[in-house]
Amino acid sequence: MLKNATDAHKQAALPNHVPLFSNLGAFLLTVGMLMVFFISQLLGIYVAGKLVLPATQNATVGDIFLFGGNDGTVVSLSIIIGCVLITATTFSVIRLRGGSVRQYLALKSFPPAVGLGMAGLLLIFMIASQALTYFLDETPLVFVDPLYQSVSSVWLLVFAMVVVAPLYEELVFRGILWTAIAEQFADSSYSSYPTKYRGAIVASIVTSLIFAVIHVQYGVYEISTIVVLALVFCYARIKSGSLLLPILLHIANNGVAMWQYMAQGA
């Protein structure tokens, strides 16, 4: 029975309805959501900078971005502002297309056994990544240094980077974009592997590459590991048929990374 339930969730991960977007629509959606992603962050930094940074009355927009981008409080607030804007945009786009937000984004429960299995896979990834990072003498979280040192409350930074950022990143990359790309291949005539899961495979590869590239604060090594991590999240999306599992795994991954960073600096 458990196997049947798991299979049902895996089937639910793949679009089996009339696509909300055409091929061109899916492409334009991808470009548009990436623009919204970056604009919301810039707008968040500007708004938060005007509220937090001293003497911003005569400061230029460039100054606000320059100093705000290195201020932990401003960046933390900008992440929260960006999350609100991106979530509102995502929900609005789906509703305007006549879709169900809950169904399209797969906002539903998942089998506990699948969750435990994916947590184990994530743990293996984190151990391997940590070992490789140590072997190569890399410092992937060096960009956090100025943010950590300047934030008004460490817990604000932790909340923004560990909880809020994974929420809107998953909504975009394993949520609306993943489904929009995967549904382009939805066809009841597909009955054999891999054609049956062609959409899920293509969506996972495309969204994982884009997800890694947008992390401009990292170097080549870090971006490479992010691709693998993103594929783990996509596999969780497929295996569970739910976006909630990738969100939880993403939060867990960021939480462990932040804990290690804080422990090393203590």
C-alpha atoms as a PDB file:
ATOM      1  CA  MET A   1       0.000   0.000   0.000  1.00  0.00           C
ATOM      2  CA  LEU A   2       2.845   2.359   0.848  1.00  0.00           C
ATOM      3  CA  LYS A   3       4.414   1.684  -2.534  1.00  0.00           C
ATOM      4  CA  ASN A   4       1.144   2.496  -4.284  1.00  0.00           C
ATOM      5  CA  ALA A   5       0.859   5.736  -2.323  1.00  0.00           C
ATOM      6  CA  THR A   6       4.409   6.678  -3.258  1.00  0.00           C
ATOM      7  CA  ASP A   7       3.770   5.905  -6.926  1.00  0.00           C
ATOM      8  CA  ALA A   8       0.664   8.060  -6.799  1.00  0.00           C
ATOM      9  CA  HIS A   9       2.673  10.978  -5.448  1.00  0.00           C
ATOM     10  CA  LYS A  10       5.307  10.501  -8.148  1.00  0.00           C
ATOM     11  CA  GLN A  11       2.620  10.546 -10.807  1.00  0.00           C
ATOM     12  CA  ALA A  12       1.154  13.678  -9.248  1.00  0.00           C
ATOM     13  CA  ALA A  13       4.534  15.367  -9.633  1.00  0.00           C
ATOM     14  CA  LEU A  14       4.106  15.299 -13.397  1.00  0.00           C
ATOM     15  CA  PRO A  15       1.582  17.584 -15.099  1.00  0.00           C
ATOM     16  CA  ASN A  16      -1.370  15.566 -16.411  1.00  0.00           C
ATOM     17  CA  HIS A  17      -3.700  18.441 -17.233  1.00  0.00           C
ATOM     18  CA  VAL A  18      -3.991  20.915 -20.095  1.00  0.00           C
ATOM     19  CA  PRO A  19      -0.831  23.054 -19.884  1.00  0.00           C
ATOM     20  CA  LEU A  20      -1.308  26.575 -18.586  1.00  0.00           C
ATOM     21  CA  PHE A  21       1.468  27.788 -20.878  1.00  0.00           C
ATOM     22  CA  SER A  22       2.393  27.131 -24.479  1.00  0.00           C
ATOM     23  CA  ASN A  23       6.001  26.477 -25.490  1.00  0.00           C
ATOM     24  CA  LEU A  24       6.518  30.185 -26.118  1.00  0.00           C
ATOM     25  CA  GLY A  25       4.590  31.015 -22.964  1.00  0.00           C
ATOM     26  CA  ALA A  26       6.856  28.781 -20.875  1.00  0.00           C
ATOM     27  CA  PHE A  27       9.925  30.476 -22.344  1.00  0.00           C
ATOM     28  CA  LEU A  28       8.537  33.952 -21.713  1.00  0.00           C
ATOM     29  CA  LEU A  29       7.508  32.902 -18.212  1.00  0.00           C
ATOM     30  CA  THR A  30      11.051  31.752 -17.483  1.00  0.00           C
ATOM     31  CA  VAL A  31      12.540  35.027 -18.700  1.00  0.00           C
ATOM     32  CA  GLY A  32       9.876  37.040 -16.900  1.00  0.00           C
ATOM     33  CA  MET A  33      10.246  35.238 -13.570  1.00  0.00           C
ATOM     34  CA  LEU A  34      14.020  35.691 -13.695  1.00  0.00           C
ATOM     35  CA  MET A  35      13.497  39.405 -14.265  1.00  0.00           C
ATOM     36  CA  VAL A  36      11.060  39.526 -11.360  1.00  0.00           C
ATOM     37  CA  PHE A  37      13.562  37.589  -9.264  1.00  0.00           C
ATOM     38  CA  PHE A  38      16.339  40.135  -9.781  1.00  0.00           C
ATOM     39  CA  ILE A  39      14.159  43.256  -9.803  1.00  0.00           C
ATOM     40  CA  SER A  40      12.505  42.256  -6.529  1.00  0.00           C
ATOM     41  CA  GLN A  41      15.918  41.885  -4.889  1.00  0.00           C
ATOM     42  CA  LEU A  42      17.089  45.260  -6.195  1.00  0.00           C
ATOM     43  CA  LEU A  43      13.854  46.895  -5.128  1.00  0.00           C
ATOM     44  CA  GLY A  44      14.177  45.204  -1.739  1.00  0.00           C
ATOM     45  CA  ILE A  45      17.689  46.574  -1.237  1.00  0.00           C
ATOM     46  CA  TYR A  46      16.582  50.061  -2.281  1.00  0.00           C
ATOM     47  CA  VAL A  47      13.551  50.121   0.043  1.00  0.00           C
ATOM     48  CA  ALA A  48      15.412  48.555   2.954  1.00  0.00           C
ATOM     49  CA  GLY A  49      18.390  50.851   2.345  1.00  0.00           C
ATOM     50  CA  LYS A  50      16.183  53.937   2.482  1.00  0.00           C
ATOM     51  CA  LEU A  51      14.740  52.708   5.771  1.00  0.00           C
ATOM     52  CA  VAL A  52      17.916  51.500   7.463  1.00  0.00           C
ATOM     53  CA  LEU A  53      20.992  53.281   6.130  1.00  0.00           C
ATOM     54  CA  PRO A  54      21.854  56.635   7.719  1.00  0.00           C
ATOM     55  CA  ALA A  55      21.855  59.828   5.662  1.00  0.00           C
ATOM     56  CA  THR A  56      20.079  58.377   2.631  1.00  0.00           C
ATOM     57  CA  GLN A  57      18.263  61.602   1.838  1.00  0.00           C
ATOM     58  CA  ASN A  58      21.076  62.869  -0.387  1.00  0.00           C
ATOM     59  CA  ALA A  59      22.422  59.449  -1.340  1.00  0.00           C
ATOM     60  CA  THR A  60      22.230  58.345  -4.967  1.00  0.00           C
ATOM     61  CA  VAL A  61      20.602  55.099  -6.020  1.00  0.00           C
ATOM     62  CA  GLY A  62      24.073  53.725  -6.733  1.00  0.00           C
ATOM     63  CA  ASP A  63      25.228  54.568  -3.216  1.00  0.00           C
ATOM     64  CA  ILE A  64      22.233  52.808  -1.693  1.00  0.00           C
ATOM     65  CA  PHE A  65      22.932  49.658  -3.719  1.00  0.00           C
ATOM     66  CA  LEU A  66      26.658  49.816  -2.981  1.00  0.00           C
ATOM     67  CA  PHE A  67      26.384  50.206   0.778  1.00  0.00           C
ATOM     68  CA  GLY A  68      23.085  48.371   1.169  1.00  0.00           C
ATOM     69  CA  GLY A  69      24.377  45.297  -0.633  1.00  0.00           C
ATOM     70  CA  ASN A  70      27.044  44.868   2.043  1.00  0.00           C
ATOM     71  CA  ASP A  71      24.860  45.678   5.035  1.00  0.00           C
ATOM     72  CA  GLY A  72      23.447  42.624   6.807  1.00  0.00           C
ATOM     73  CA  THR A  73      20.272  44.334   7.993  1.00  0.00           C
ATOM     74  CA  VAL A  74      19.497  45.790   4.565  1.00  0.00           C
ATOM     75  CA  VAL A  75      20.132  42.474   2.786  1.00  0.00           C
ATOM     76  CA  SER A  76      18.037  40.545   5.325  1.00  0.00           C
ATOM     77  CA  LEU A  77      15.099  42.921   4.920  1.00  0.00           C
ATOM     78  CA  SER A  78      15.509  42.896   1.138  1.00  0.00           C
ATOM     79  CA  ILE A  79      15.219  39.099   1.133  1.00  0.00           C
ATOM     80  CA  ILE A  80      11.943  39.342   3.052  1.00  0.00           C
ATOM     81  CA  ILE A  81      10.621  42.082   0.746  1.00  0.00           C
ATOM     82  CA  GLY A  82      11.685  40.086  -2.291  1.00  0.00           C
ATOM     83  CA  CYS A  83       9.908  36.998  -0.967  1.00  0.00           C
ATOM     84  CA  VAL A  84       6.636  38.917  -0.672  1.00  0.00           C
ATOM     85  CA  LEU A  85       6.927  40.336  -4.196  1.00  0.00           C
ATOM     86  CA  ILE A  86       7.932  37.036  -5.810  1.00  0.00           C
ATOM     87  CA  THR A  87       5.235  35.057  -3.993  1.00  0.00           C
ATOM     88  CA  ALA A  88       2.572  37.577  -4.996  1.00  0.00           C
ATOM     89  CA  THR A  89       3.757  37.528  -8.610  1.00  0.00           C
ATOM     90  CA  THR A  90       3.865  33.723  -8.764  1.00  0.00           C
ATOM     91  CA  PHE A  91       0.366  33.324  -7.345  1.00  0.00           C
ATOM     92  CA  SER A  92      -1.017  36.086  -9.575  1.00  0.00           C
ATOM     93  CA  VAL A  93       0.427  34.597 -12.779  1.00  0.00           C
ATOM     94  CA  ILE A  94      -1.068  31.174 -12.066  1.00  0.00           C
ATOM     95  CA  ARG A  95      -4.470  32.623 -11.184  1.00  0.00           C
ATOM     96  CA  LEU A  96      -4.511  34.877 -14.249  1.00  0.00           C
ATOM     97  CA  ARG A  97      -3.926  31.782 -16.386  1.00  0.00           C
ATOM     98  CA  GLY A  98      -6.898  30.120 -14.708  1.00  0.00           C
ATOM     99  CA  GLY A  99      -4.881  27.583 -12.738  1.00  0.00           C
ATOM    100  CA  SER A 100      -5.048  26.407  -9.148  1.00  0.00           C
ATOM    101  CA  VAL A 101      -2.102  27.708  -7.113  1.00  0.00           C
ATOM    102  CA  ARG A 102      -2.143  24.722  -4.799  1.00  0.00           C
ATOM    103  CA  GLN A 103      -2.285  22.177  -7.614  1.00  0.00           C
ATOM    104  CA  TYR A 104       0.141  23.900  -9.984  1.00  0.00           C
ATOM    105  CA  LEU A 105       2.758  24.390  -7.283  1.00  0.00           C
ATOM    106  CA  ALA A 106       2.066  20.970  -5.718  1.00  0.00           C
ATOM    107  CA  LEU A 107       1.484  22.449  -2.270  1.00  0.00           C
ATOM    108  CA  LYS A 108       0.403  19.240  -0.552  1.00  0.00           C
ATOM    109  CA  SER A 109       1.583  16.622   1.898  1.00  0.00           C
ATOM    110  CA  PHE A 110       4.008  13.834   1.022  1.00  0.00           C
ATOM    111  CA  PRO A 111       4.681  10.304   2.344  1.00  0.00           C
ATOM    112  CA  PRO A 112       6.891  10.387   5.482  1.00  0.00           C
ATOM    113  CA  ALA A 113       8.985   7.514   4.125  1.00  0.00           C
ATOM    114  CA  VAL A 114       9.842   9.563   1.039  1.00  0.00           C
ATOM    115  CA  GLY A 115      10.765  12.511   3.235  1.00  0.00           C
ATOM    116  CA  LEU A 116      13.124  10.385   5.325  1.00  0.00           C
ATOM    117  CA  GLY A 117      14.712   8.896   2.237  1.00  0.00           C
ATOM    118  CA  MET A 118      15.325  12.299   0.685  1.00  0.00           C
ATOM    119  CA  ALA A 119      16.683  13.629   3.984  1.00  0.00           C
ATOM    120  CA  GLY A 120      19.187  10.772   3.899  1.00  0.00           C
ATOM    121  CA  LEU A 121      20.179  11.626   0.344  1.00  0.00           C
ATOM    122  CA  LEU A 122      20.644  15.274   1.314  1.00  0.00           C
ATOM    123  CA  LEU A 123      22.805  14.215   4.255  1.00  0.00           C
ATOM    124  CA  ILE A 124      25.022  12.175   1.931  1.00  0.00           C
ATOM    125  CA  PHE A 125      25.340  15.192  -0.359  1.00  0.00           C
ATOM    126  CA  MET A 126      26.259  17.524   2.522  1.00  0.00           C
ATOM    127  CA  ILE A 127      28.901  15.130   3.862  1.00  0.00           C
ATOM    128  CA  ALA A 128      30.435  14.671   0.412  1.00  0.00           C
ATOM    129  CA  SER A 129      30.303  18.403  -0.279  1.00  0.00           C
ATOM    130  CA  GLN A 130      31.891  19.238   3.052  1.00  0.00           C
ATOM    131  CA  ALA A 131      34.677  16.712   2.483  1.00  0.00           C
ATOM    132  CA  LEU A 132      35.372  18.093  -1.006  1.00  0.00           C
ATOM    133  CA  THR A 133      35.293  21.667   0.294  1.00  0.00           C
ATOM    134  CA  TYR A 134      37.831  20.783   2.979  1.00  0.00           C
ATOM    135  CA  PHE A 135      40.037  18.884   0.505  1.00  0.00           C
ATOM    136  CA  LEU A 136      40.051  21.785  -1.975  1.00  0.00           C
ATOM    137  CA  ASP A 137      40.405  24.371   0.817  1.00  0.00           C
ATOM    138  CA  GLU A 138      37.396  26.351  -0.401  1.00  0.00           C
ATOM    139  CA  THR A 139      35.497  29.002   1.600  1.00  0.00           C
ATOM    140  CA  PRO A 140      32.028  29.091   0.011  1.00  0.00           C
ATOM    141  CA  LEU A 141      30.382  31.389   2.591  1.00  0.00           C
ATOM    142  CA  VAL A 142      32.984  34.149   2.548  1.00  0.00           C
ATOM    143  CA  PHE A 143      30.392  36.561   1.119  1.00  0.00           C
ATOM    144  CA  VAL A 144      28.460  36.273   4.395  1.00  0.00           C
ATOM    145  CA  ASP A 145      31.288  37.906   6.395  1.00  0.00           C
ATOM    146  CA  PRO A 146      30.310  41.576   5.828  1.00  0.00           C
ATOM    147  CA  LEU A 147      26.628  40.743   6.277  1.00  0.00           C
ATOM    148  CA  TYR A 148      27.206  38.875   9.529  1.00  0.00           C
ATOM    149  CA  GLN A 149      29.416  41.641  10.906  1.00  0.00           C
ATOM    150  CA  SER A 150      27.029  44.486  10.048  1.00  0.00           C
ATOM    151  CA  VAL A 151      23.582  43.023  10.745  1.00  0.00           C
ATOM    152  CA  SER A 152      21.640  44.536  13.641  1.00  0.00           C
ATOM    153  CA  SER A 153      20.460  41.095  14.751  1.00  0.00           C
ATOM    154  CA  VAL A 154      22.126  37.835  13.774  1.00  0.00           C
ATOM    155  CA  TRP A 155      18.777  36.073  14.035  1.00  0.00           C
ATOM    156  CA  LEU A 156      17.309  38.398  11.397  1.00  0.00           C
ATOM    157  CA  LEU A 157      20.034  37.296   8.989  1.00  0.00           C
ATOM    158  CA  VAL A 158      19.543  33.646   9.932  1.00  0.00           C
ATOM    159  CA  PHE A 159      15.778  33.893   9.416  1.00  0.00           C
ATOM    160  CA  ALA A 160      16.168  35.595   6.036  1.00  0.00           C
ATOM    161  CA  MET A 161      18.842  33.278   4.625  1.00  0.00           C
ATOM    162  CA  VAL A 162      17.735  29.993   6.185  1.00  0.00           C
ATOM    163  CA  VAL A 163      13.935  30.241   6.034  1.00  0.00           C
ATOM    164  CA  VAL A 164      12.778  33.045   3.740  1.00  0.00           C
ATOM    165  CA  ALA A 165      15.218  32.631   0.832  1.00  0.00           C
ATOM    166  CA  PRO A 166      14.459  28.901   0.361  1.00  0.00           C
ATOM    167  CA  LEU A 167      10.727  29.649   0.308  1.00  0.00           C
ATOM    168  CA  TYR A 168      10.729  31.957  -2.697  1.00  0.00           C
ATOM    169  CA  GLU A 169      13.564  30.175  -4.482  1.00  0.00           C
ATOM    170  CA  GLU A 170      11.610  26.918  -4.377  1.00  0.00           C
ATOM    171  CA  LEU A 171       8.393  28.649  -5.434  1.00  0.00           C
ATOM    172  CA  VAL A 172      10.177  29.868  -8.550  1.00  0.00           C
ATOM    173  CA  PHE A 173      12.551  27.057  -9.518  1.00  0.00           C
ATOM    174  CA  ARG A 174      10.954  23.828  -8.263  1.00  0.00           C
ATOM    175  CA  GLY A 175       7.514  25.430  -8.374  1.00  0.00           C
ATOM    176  CA  ILE A 176       6.139  27.492 -11.235  1.00  0.00           C
ATOM    177  CA  LEU A 177       9.081  27.184 -13.659  1.00  0.00           C
ATOM    178  CA  TRP A 178       9.557  23.449 -13.080  1.00  0.00           C
ATOM    179  CA  THR A 179       5.889  22.736 -13.725  1.00  0.00           C
ATOM    180  CA  ALA A 180       5.652  25.092 -16.700  1.00  0.00           C
ATOM    181  CA  ILE A 181       8.584  23.370 -18.410  1.00  0.00           C
ATOM    182  CA  ALA A 182       7.568  19.832 -17.438  1.00  0.00           C
ATOM    183  CA  GLU A 183       4.012  20.245 -18.674  1.00  0.00           C
ATOM    184  CA  GLN A 184       5.250  20.976 -22.195  1.00  0.00           C
ATOM    185  CA  PHE A 185       5.907  17.238 -22.481  1.00  0.00           C
ATOM    186  CA  ALA A 186       2.673  16.077 -20.858  1.00  0.00           C
ATOM    187  CA  ASP A 187       1.188  13.422 -23.113  1.00  0.00           C
ATOM    188  CA  SER A 188      -0.860  10.399 -22.130  1.00  0.00           C
ATOM    189  CA  SER A 189       0.786   8.430 -24.960  1.00  0.00           C
ATOM    190  CA  TYR A 190       4.095   8.386 -23.065  1.00  0.00           C
ATOM    191  CA  SER A 191       4.156   5.039 -21.303  1.00  0.00           C
ATOM    192  CA  SER A 192       7.768   3.965 -21.041  1.00  0.00           C
ATOM    193  CA  TYR A 193      10.723   5.337 -19.128  1.00  0.00           C
ATOM    194  CA  PRO A 194      12.360   7.757 -19.886  1.00  0.00           C
ATOM    195  CA  THR A 195       9.705   9.267 -22.196  1.00  0.00           C
ATOM    196  CA  LYS A 196       7.165   9.027 -19.378  1.00  0.00           C
ATOM    197  CA  TYR A 197       9.307  11.339 -17.261  1.00  0.00           C
ATOM    198  CA  ARG A 198      10.810  13.366 -20.092  1.00  0.00           C
ATOM    199  CA  GLY A 199       9.218  16.599 -18.894  1.00  0.00           C
ATOM    200  CA  ALA A 200      10.422  16.097 -15.329  1.00  0.00           C
ATOM    201  CA  ILE A 201      13.960  15.362 -16.524  1.00  0.00           C
ATOM    202  CA  VAL A 202      14.130  18.367 -18.853  1.00  0.00           C
ATOM    203  CA  ALA A 203      12.565  20.658 -16.238  1.00  0.00           C
ATOM    204  CA  SER A 204      15.002  19.445 -13.597  1.00  0.00           C
ATOM    205  CA  ILE A 205      18.077  20.010 -15.750  1.00  0.00           C
ATOM    206  CA  VAL A 206      17.004  23.430 -17.047  1.00  0.00           C
ATOM    207  CA  THR A 207      15.854  24.845 -13.705  1.00  0.00           C
ATOM    208  CA  SER A 208      18.899  23.454 -11.873  1.00  0.00           C
ATOM    209  CA  LEU A 209      21.318  25.126 -14.282  1.00  0.00           C
ATOM    210  CA  ILE A 210      19.475  28.444 -14.078  1.00  0.00           C
ATOM    211  CA  PHE A 211      19.248  28.172 -10.297  1.00  0.00           C
ATOM    212  CA  ALA A 212      23.011  27.682 -10.045  1.00  0.00           C
ATOM    213  CA  VAL A 213      23.912  30.486 -12.447  1.00  0.00           C
ATOM    214  CA  ILE A 214      21.843  33.122 -10.613  1.00  0.00           C
ATOM    215  CA  HIS A 215      23.990  32.628  -7.509  1.00  0.00           C
ATOM    216  CA  VAL A 216      26.470  35.206  -8.750  1.00  0.00           C
ATOM    217  CA  GLN A 217      27.979  35.634  -5.286  1.00  0.00           C
ATOM    218  CA  TYR A 218      29.670  32.234  -5.623  1.00  0.00           C
ATOM    219  CA  GLY A 219      32.618  30.955  -7.611  1.00  0.00           C
ATOM    220  CA  VAL A 220      32.797  28.143 -10.164  1.00  0.00           C
ATOM    221  CA  TYR A 221      33.269  25.411  -7.542  1.00  0.00           C
ATOM    222  CA  GLU A 222      30.289  26.532  -5.495  1.00  0.00           C
ATOM    223  CA  ILE A 223      28.068  26.899  -8.572  1.00  0.00           C
ATOM    224  CA  SER A 224      28.947  23.333  -9.586  1.00  0.00           C
ATOM    225  CA  THR A 225      27.853  21.983  -6.211  1.00  0.00           C
ATOM    226  CA  ILE A 226      24.671  24.075  -6.383  1.00  0.00           C
ATOM    227  CA  VAL A 227      23.740  22.327  -9.644  1.00  0.00           C
ATOM    228  CA  VAL A 228      23.953  18.963  -7.878  1.00  0.00           C
ATOM    229  CA  LEU A 229      22.038  20.290  -4.868  1.00  0.00           C
ATOM    230  CA  ALA A 230      19.316  21.664  -7.155  1.00  0.00           C
ATOM    231  CA  LEU A 231      18.998  18.274  -8.835  1.00  0.00           C
ATOM    232  CA  VAL A 232      18.512  16.706  -5.399  1.00  0.00           C
ATOM    233  CA  PHE A 233      15.684  19.171  -4.752  1.00  0.00           C
ATOM    234  CA  CYS A 234      14.163  18.348  -8.162  1.00  0.00           C
ATOM    235  CA  TYR A 235      14.358  14.631  -7.405  1.00  0.00           C
ATOM    236  CA  ALA A 236      12.545  15.298  -4.134  1.00  0.00           C
ATOM    237  CA  ARG A 237       9.899  17.201  -6.103  1.00  0.00           C
ATOM    238  CA  ILE A 238       9.399  14.248  -8.436  1.00  0.00           C
ATOM    239  CA  LYS A 239       9.644  11.521  -5.815  1.00  0.00           C
ATOM    240  CA  SER A 240       7.200  13.150  -3.395  1.00  0.00           C
ATOM    241  CA  GLY A 241       4.882  14.903  -5.840  1.00  0.00           C
ATOM    242  CA  SER A 242       5.059  17.882  -3.515  1.00  0.00           C
ATOM    243  CA  LEU A 243       6.899  21.201  -3.419  1.00  0.00           C
ATOM    244  CA  LEU A 244       6.865  21.141   0.382  1.00  0.00           C
ATOM    245  CA  LEU A 245       9.616  18.520   0.581  1.00  0.00           C
ATOM    246  CA  PRO A 246      12.141  20.515  -1.520  1.00  0.00           C
ATOM    247  CA  ILE A 247      11.321  23.571   0.604  1.00  0.00           C
ATOM    248  CA  LEU A 248      12.053  21.669   3.828  1.00  0.00           C
ATOM    249  CA  LEU A 249      15.249  20.166   2.397  1.00  0.00           C
ATOM    250  CA  HIS A 250      16.392  23.593   1.198  1.00  0.00           C
ATOM    251  CA  ILE A 251      15.774  25.079   4.646  1.00  0.00           C
ATOM    252  CA  ALA A 252      17.673  22.195   6.260  1.00  0.00           C
ATOM    253  CA  ASN A 253      20.626  22.631   3.892  1.00  0.00           C
ATOM    254  CA  ASN A 254      20.842  26.391   4.484  1.00  0.00           C
ATOM    255  CA  GLY A 255      20.402  25.873   8.214  1.00  0.00           C
ATOM    256  CA  VAL A 256      23.308  23.457   8.421  1.00  0.00           C
ATOM    257  CA  ALA A 257      25.501  25.751   6.299  1.00  0.00           C
ATOM    258  CA  MET A 258      24.690  28.758   8.493  1.00  0.00           C
ATOM    259  CA  TRP A 259      25.261  26.744  11.678  1.00  0.00           C
ATOM    260  CA  GLN A 260      28.691  25.688  10.420  1.00  0.00           C
ATOM    261  CA  TYR A 261      29.542  29.264   9.504  1.00  0.00           C
ATOM    262  CA  MET A 262      28.536  30.577  12.924  1.00  0.00           C
ATOM    263  CA  ALA A 263      30.307  27.722  14.722  1.00  0.00           C
ATOM    264  CA  GLN A 264      33.555  28.435  12.906  1.00  0.00           C
ATOM    265  CA  GLY A 265      33.339  32.116  13.735  1.00  0.00           C
ATOM    266  CA  ALA A 266      32.569  31.532  17.408  1.00  0.00           C
END
